C-alpha atoms as a PDB file:
ATOM      1  CA  MET A   1     -90.530 -52.078  38.871  1.00  0.00           C
ATOM      2  CA  LYS A   2     -88.137 -50.566  39.822  1.00  0.00           C
ATOM      3  CA  ILE A   3     -86.811 -46.901  40.797  1.00  0.00           C
ATOM      4  CA  PHE A   4     -84.852 -44.959  38.201  1.00  0.00           C
ATOM      5  CA  ALA A   5     -82.278 -42.556  38.494  1.00  0.00           C
ATOM      6  CA  ASN A   6     -85.310 -40.007  37.774  1.00  0.00           C
ATOM      7  CA  THR A   7     -86.166 -40.592  41.449  1.00  0.00           C
ATOM      8  CA  ALA A   8     -85.750 -38.162  44.538  1.00  0.00           C
ATOM      9  CA  LEU A   9     -85.558 -39.533  47.919  1.00  0.00           C
ATOM     10  CA  LEU A  10     -86.717 -36.869  49.940  1.00  0.00           C
ATOM     11  CA  LEU A  11     -86.457 -36.248  53.744  1.00  0.00           C
ATOM     12  CA  ILE A  12     -88.898 -33.858  55.148  1.00  0.00           C
ATOM     13  CA  ASP A  13     -88.258 -32.136  58.677  1.00  0.00           C
ATOM     14  CA  VAL A  14     -85.951 -34.774  60.695  1.00  0.00           C
ATOM     15  CA  GLN A  15     -85.674 -32.720  62.579  1.00  0.00           C
ATOM     16  CA  LYS A  16     -84.250 -32.352  66.565  1.00  0.00           C
ATOM     17  CA  TYR A  17     -87.424 -30.494  67.742  1.00  0.00           C
ATOM     18  CA  PHE A  18     -89.264 -33.744  67.350  1.00  0.00           C
ATOM     19  CA  ASP A  19     -87.272 -35.603  69.894  1.00  0.00           C
ATOM     20  CA  ASP A  20     -88.779 -32.499  72.571  1.00  0.00           C
ATOM     21  CA  PRO A  21     -90.804 -35.262  75.070  1.00  0.00           C
ATOM     22  CA  ARG A  22     -93.439 -32.094  74.901  1.00  0.00           C
ATOM     23  CA  GLN A  23     -93.949 -33.681  71.722  1.00  0.00           C
ATOM     24  CA  GLY A  24     -96.124 -36.221  73.433  1.00  0.00           C
ATOM     25  CA  ARG A  25     -96.146 -40.237  72.491  1.00  0.00           C
ATOM     26  CA  ARG A  26     -94.846 -41.109  68.778  1.00  0.00           C
ATOM     27  CA  ASN A  27     -95.144 -44.084  66.704  1.00  0.00           C
ATOM     28  CA  ASN A  28     -92.449 -45.888  64.769  1.00  0.00           C
ATOM     29  CA  PRO A  29     -89.477 -45.361  67.203  1.00  0.00           C
ATOM     30  CA  ASN A  30     -86.797 -46.474  64.334  1.00  0.00           C
ATOM     31  CA  ALA A  31     -88.154 -44.627  61.783  1.00  0.00           C
ATOM     32  CA  GLU A  32     -84.967 -42.236  61.695  1.00  0.00           C
ATOM     33  CA  GLU A  33     -82.786 -45.216  61.467  1.00  0.00           C
ATOM     34  CA  ASN A  34     -85.431 -46.113  58.285  1.00  0.00           C
ATOM     35  CA  MET A  35     -84.275 -42.973  56.941  1.00  0.00           C
ATOM     36  CA  ALA A  36     -81.031 -43.567  57.492  1.00  0.00           C
ATOM     37  CA  LEU A  37     -80.906 -46.519  55.857  1.00  0.00           C
ATOM     38  CA  LEU A  38     -82.489 -45.645  52.818  1.00  0.00           C
ATOM     39  CA  LEU A  39     -80.786 -42.210  52.900  1.00  0.00           C
ATOM     40  CA  ASN A  40     -77.262 -44.277  52.717  1.00  0.00           C
ATOM     41  CA  GLU A  41     -78.579 -46.776  49.632  1.00  0.00           C
ATOM     42  CA  TRP A  42     -79.792 -43.598  48.100  1.00  0.00           C
ATOM     43  CA  ARG A  43     -75.925 -42.273  48.118  1.00  0.00           C
ATOM     44  CA  LYS A  44     -74.364 -45.154  46.816  1.00  0.00           C
ATOM     45  CA  SER A  45     -76.614 -45.079  44.237  1.00  0.00           C
ATOM     46  CA  ASP A  46     -75.548 -41.888  42.876  1.00  0.00           C
ATOM     47  CA  ARG A  47     -79.565 -40.359  43.110  1.00  0.00           C
ATOM     48  CA  PRO A  48     -80.493 -37.263  44.016  1.00  0.00           C
ATOM     49  CA  VAL A  49     -81.377 -36.175  47.740  1.00  0.00           C
ATOM     50  CA  ILE A  50     -83.286 -33.643  49.253  1.00  0.00           C
ATOM     51  CA  HIS A  51     -83.654 -32.711  52.532  1.00  0.00           C
ATOM     52  CA  VAL A  52     -86.412 -29.899  54.077  1.00  0.00           C
ATOM     53  CA  GLN A  53     -85.849 -28.302  56.983  1.00  0.00           C
ATOM     54  CA  HIS A  54     -89.041 -26.753  58.476  1.00  0.00           C
ATOM     55  CA  ILE A  55     -88.483 -22.877  59.967  1.00  0.00           C
ATOM     56  CA  SER A  56     -91.635 -21.288  59.994  1.00  0.00           C
ATOM     57  CA  ASN A  57     -90.335 -18.138  62.403  1.00  0.00           C
ATOM     58  CA  PRO A  58     -87.378 -16.788  61.235  1.00  0.00           C
ATOM     59  CA  SER A  59     -86.989 -15.201  64.617  1.00  0.00           C
ATOM     60  CA  LEU A  60     -86.128 -19.424  65.542  1.00  0.00           C
ATOM     61  CA  ALA A  61     -83.617 -19.531  63.093  1.00  0.00           C
ATOM     62  CA  GLN A  62     -80.841 -20.446  64.980  1.00  0.00           C
ATOM     63  CA  HIS A  63     -82.555 -22.641  67.398  1.00  0.00           C
ATOM     64  CA  PRO A  64     -81.237 -25.797  68.003  1.00  0.00           C
ATOM     65  CA  GLY A  65     -84.619 -27.672  67.346  1.00  0.00           C
ATOM     66  CA  ARG A  66     -84.816 -26.440  64.029  1.00  0.00           C
ATOM     67  CA  ASP A  67     -81.481 -28.533  63.100  1.00  0.00           C
ATOM     68  CA  ILE A  68     -81.975 -31.692  60.976  1.00  0.00           C
ATOM     69  CA  LYS A  69     -80.896 -34.711  63.417  1.00  0.00           C
ATOM     70  CA  GLU A  70     -77.255 -36.024  62.443  1.00  0.00           C
ATOM     71  CA  ILE A  71     -78.302 -39.256  61.539  1.00  0.00           C
ATOM     72  CA  VAL A  72     -79.677 -38.244  58.609  1.00  0.00           C
ATOM     73  CA  ALA A  73     -77.652 -35.073  58.295  1.00  0.00           C
ATOM     74  CA  PRO A  74     -77.447 -33.386  54.268  1.00  0.00           C
ATOM     75  CA  LEU A  75     -73.598 -33.923  52.832  1.00  0.00           C
ATOM     76  CA  PRO A  76     -72.471 -30.626  51.288  1.00  0.00           C
ATOM     77  CA  GLU A  77     -74.007 -31.144  47.774  1.00  0.00           C
ATOM     78  CA  GLU A  78     -77.070 -32.336  48.709  1.00  0.00           C
ATOM     79  CA  GLN A  79     -79.747 -29.912  48.442  1.00  0.00           C
ATOM     80  CA  VAL A  80     -81.692 -28.328  51.974  1.00  0.00           C
ATOM     81  CA  ILE A  81     -85.172 -26.851  50.870  1.00  0.00           C
ATOM     82  CA  VAL A  82     -86.047 -24.185  53.736  1.00  0.00           C
ATOM     83  CA  LYS A  83     -89.932 -23.649  54.540  1.00  0.00           C
ATOM     84  CA  ASN A  84     -92.330 -22.213  56.278  1.00  0.00           C
ATOM     85  CA  VAL A  85     -95.364 -23.784  55.926  1.00  0.00           C
ATOM     86  CA  ASN A  86     -96.273 -27.774  55.498  1.00  0.00           C
ATOM     87  CA  SER A  87     -95.900 -28.121  51.815  1.00  0.00           C
ATOM     88  CA  ALA A  88     -92.473 -27.918  50.719  1.00  0.00           C
ATOM     89  CA  PHE A  89     -93.886 -27.020  47.006  1.00  0.00           C
ATOM     90  CA  ILE A  90     -94.939 -23.453  48.438  1.00  0.00           C
ATOM     91  CA  GLY A  91     -92.518 -20.635  48.690  1.00  0.00           C
ATOM     92  CA  THR A  92     -89.794 -22.624  47.843  1.00  0.00           C
ATOM     93  CA  ASN A  93     -88.003 -23.604  44.261  1.00  0.00           C
ATOM     94  CA  LEU A  94     -88.044 -27.645  45.062  1.00  0.00           C
ATOM     95  CA  GLU A  95     -90.376 -27.712  41.945  1.00  0.00           C
ATOM     96  CA  ALA A  96     -88.317 -26.200  39.906  1.00  0.00           C
ATOM     97  CA  ASN A  97     -85.571 -27.786  40.780  1.00  0.00           C
ATOM     98  CA  LEU A  98     -87.122 -31.029  40.209  1.00  0.00           C
ATOM     99  CA  ARG A  99     -88.161 -30.195  36.504  1.00  0.00           C
ATOM    100  CA  GLU A 100     -85.112 -28.891  35.600  1.00  0.00           C
ATOM    101  CA  SER A 101     -83.566 -32.171  37.198  1.00  0.00           C
ATOM    102  CA  GLU A 102     -85.807 -34.540  35.402  1.00  0.00           C
ATOM    103  CA  ILE A 103     -87.409 -35.987  38.519  1.00  0.00           C
ATOM    104  CA  GLU A 104     -90.563 -37.672  38.095  1.00  0.00           C
ATOM    105  CA  THR A 105     -90.782 -39.818  40.895  1.00  0.00           C
ATOM    106  CA  LEU A 106     -90.095 -38.940  44.674  1.00  0.00           C
ATOM    107  CA  VAL A 107     -89.692 -41.801  47.771  1.00  0.00           C
ATOM    108  CA  ILE A 108     -91.010 -39.567  50.484  1.00  0.00           C
ATOM    109  CA  VAL A 109     -89.925 -40.132  54.681  1.00  0.00           C
ATOM    110  CA  GLY A 110     -89.792 -37.724  57.138  1.00  0.00           C
ATOM    111  CA  LEU A 111     -92.231 -35.923  60.167  1.00  0.00           C
ATOM    112  CA  THR A 112     -95.047 -36.070  60.737  1.00  0.00           C
ATOM    113  CA  THR A 113     -96.720 -37.997  58.491  1.00  0.00           C
ATOM    114  CA  ASP A 114    -100.317 -36.243  58.590  1.00  0.00           C
ATOM    115  CA  HIS A 115     -98.515 -33.015  58.378  1.00  0.00           C
ATOM    116  CA  CYS A 116     -95.787 -31.630  56.520  1.00  0.00           C
ATOM    117  CA  VAL A 117     -94.818 -35.483  54.853  1.00  0.00           C
ATOM    118  CA  SER A 118     -98.946 -35.684  54.183  1.00  0.00           C
ATOM    119  CA  THR A 119     -99.208 -31.849  52.490  1.00  0.00           C
ATOM    120  CA  THR A 120     -95.802 -32.688  50.315  1.00  0.00           C
ATOM    121  CA  THR A 121     -97.164 -35.793  49.093  1.00  0.00           C
ATOM    122  CA  ARG A 122    -100.752 -34.848  47.840  1.00  0.00           C
ATOM    123  CA  MET A 123     -98.716 -31.509  46.174  1.00  0.00           C
ATOM    124  CA  ALA A 124     -96.505 -33.873  44.683  1.00  0.00           C
ATOM    125  CA  LYS A 125     -99.289 -35.358  43.401  1.00  0.00           C
ATOM    126  CA  ASN A 126    -101.238 -32.898  41.947  1.00  0.00           C
ATOM    127  CA  LEU A 127     -98.143 -31.280  40.301  1.00  0.00           C
ATOM    128  CA  GLY A 128     -97.810 -34.793  38.382  1.00  0.00           C
ATOM    129  CA  PHE A 129     -94.880 -36.361  40.398  1.00  0.00           C
ATOM    130  CA  THR A 130     -95.312 -40.193  41.504  1.00  0.00           C
ATOM    131  CA  PRO A 131     -95.211 -39.770  44.943  1.00  0.00           C
ATOM    132  CA  PHE A 132     -94.013 -42.959  46.909  1.00  0.00           C
ATOM    133  CA  ILE A 133     -94.400 -42.834  50.954  1.00  0.00           C
ATOM    134  CA  VAL A 134     -92.068 -44.667  53.484  1.00  0.00           C
ATOM    135  CA  SER A 135     -94.574 -46.303  56.180  1.00  0.00           C
ATOM    136  CA  ASP A 136     -91.801 -47.292  58.550  1.00  0.00           C
ATOM    137  CA  ALA A 137     -89.499 -44.268  57.933  1.00  0.00           C
ATOM    138  CA  THR A 138     -91.845 -41.631  58.743  1.00  0.00           C
ATOM    139  CA  ALA A 139     -93.590 -41.221  62.022  1.00  0.00           C
ATOM    140  CA  THR A 140     -96.190 -39.270  64.137  1.00  0.00           C
ATOM    141  CA  PHE A 141     -97.526 -37.976  67.763  1.00  0.00           C
ATOM    142  CA  GLU A 142    -100.573 -39.193  69.622  1.00  0.00           C
ATOM    143  CA  ARG A 143    -103.155 -36.158  69.617  1.00  0.00           C
ATOM    144  CA  VAL A 144    -106.159 -35.012  71.489  1.00  0.00           C
ATOM    145  CA  SER A 145    -109.130 -34.745  68.724  1.00  0.00           C
ATOM    146  CA  TYR A 146    -111.350 -31.713  68.419  1.00  0.00           C
ATOM    147  CA  ASP A 147    -114.195 -33.495  70.943  1.00  0.00           C
ATOM    148  CA  GLY A 148    -111.302 -34.547  73.486  1.00  0.00           C
ATOM    149  CA  LYS A 149    -110.684 -37.825  72.504  1.00  0.00           C
ATOM    150  CA  LEU A 150    -107.326 -39.083  72.412  1.00  0.00           C
ATOM    151  CA  TYR A 151    -106.079 -40.961  69.298  1.00  0.00           C
ATOM    152  CA  SER A 152    -102.693 -42.884  69.547  1.00  0.00           C
ATOM    153  CA  ALA A 153     -99.788 -42.221  67.100  1.00  0.00           C
ATOM    154  CA  GLU A 154    -100.365 -45.477  65.581  1.00  0.00           C
ATOM    155  CA  GLU A 155    -103.439 -44.803  64.612  1.00  0.00           C
ATOM    156  CA  ILE A 156    -103.083 -40.706  63.421  1.00  0.00           C
ATOM    157  CA  HIS A 157     -99.697 -42.265  61.182  1.00  0.00           C
ATOM    158  CA  SER A 158    -102.088 -45.270  60.015  1.00  0.00           C
ATOM    159  CA  LEU A 159    -104.991 -43.395  59.088  1.00  0.00           C
ATOM    160  CA  ALA A 160    -102.908 -40.501  57.629  1.00  0.00           C
ATOM    161  CA  LEU A 161    -101.133 -43.688  55.282  1.00  0.00           C
ATOM    162  CA  VAL A 162    -104.836 -44.650  54.374  1.00  0.00           C
ATOM    163  CA  SER A 163    -106.092 -41.417  53.199  1.00  0.00           C
ATOM    164  CA  LEU A 164    -102.653 -41.114  51.138  1.00  0.00           C
ATOM    165  CA  HIS A 165    -102.642 -44.343  49.267  1.00  0.00           C
ATOM    166  CA  GLU A 166    -103.764 -45.002  45.809  1.00  0.00           C
ATOM    167  CA  GLU A 167    -104.996 -41.611  45.651  1.00  0.00           C
ATOM    168  CA  PHE A 168    -102.280 -39.665  46.272  1.00  0.00           C
ATOM    169  CA  ALA A 169     -99.175 -41.738  46.917  1.00  0.00           C
ATOM    170  CA  THR A 170     -97.859 -45.805  46.746  1.00  0.00           C
ATOM    171  CA  VAL A 171     -97.610 -46.902  50.562  1.00  0.00           C
ATOM    172  CA  ILE A 172     -94.220 -49.154  51.015  1.00  0.00           C
ATOM    173  CA  ASP A 173     -91.503 -49.962  53.592  1.00  0.00           C
ATOM    174  CA  THR A 174     -88.226 -49.782  53.772  1.00  0.00           C
ATOM    175  CA  ASP A 175     -87.248 -53.023  52.775  1.00  0.00           C
ATOM    176  CA  GLY A 176     -89.775 -52.500  49.611  1.00  0.00           C
ATOM    177  CA  VAL A 177     -88.238 -49.933  48.841  1.00  0.00           C
ATOM    178  CA  LEU A 178     -84.751 -51.221  48.931  1.00  0.00           C
ATOM    179  CA  GLU A 179     -85.820 -54.651  46.473  1.00  0.00           C
ATOM    180  CA  LEU A 180     -86.868 -52.039  43.876  1.00  0.00           C
ATOM    181  CA  LEU A 181     -82.959 -49.964  44.398  1.00  0.00           C
ATOM    182  CA  ASP A 182     -81.735 -53.293  43.369  1.00  0.00           C
END
């Protein structure tokens, strides 16, 4: 199987906000490097790139934490979708733009695996797109459960991917995507 021209790379919420140490410990410390590698190859292949930026509170629109990280900063010609909820499809023109561009498949990377990445991936599948989620180009943070138990970032990440794989998406790693691009 190859990744065709009608496949878009979707970078979700790769924002400076997630560098704040108050977020806690996260997994995949090299996730952004993998995102940048995929982005570079995507650009070379002249395939569509879409950046998603989460701004839930309009009064914080100028807050530096909302900025997309330089390592994957959009080029002027690349689309940036601004959302204010977990799904990049709610309240945005993402679906209409994908359909207008005849995009059928999405390769999804970003932050965080169990929140906005998962929600957008699930909706993409429900809307009829074919999502691939890149395991080593996504990341999340440790979390304390409703019952007080601490779950590691690795556990949260793995369980999010397990719940997506083969029902909502194909889970793949960066090398696997690069092989499909060749």
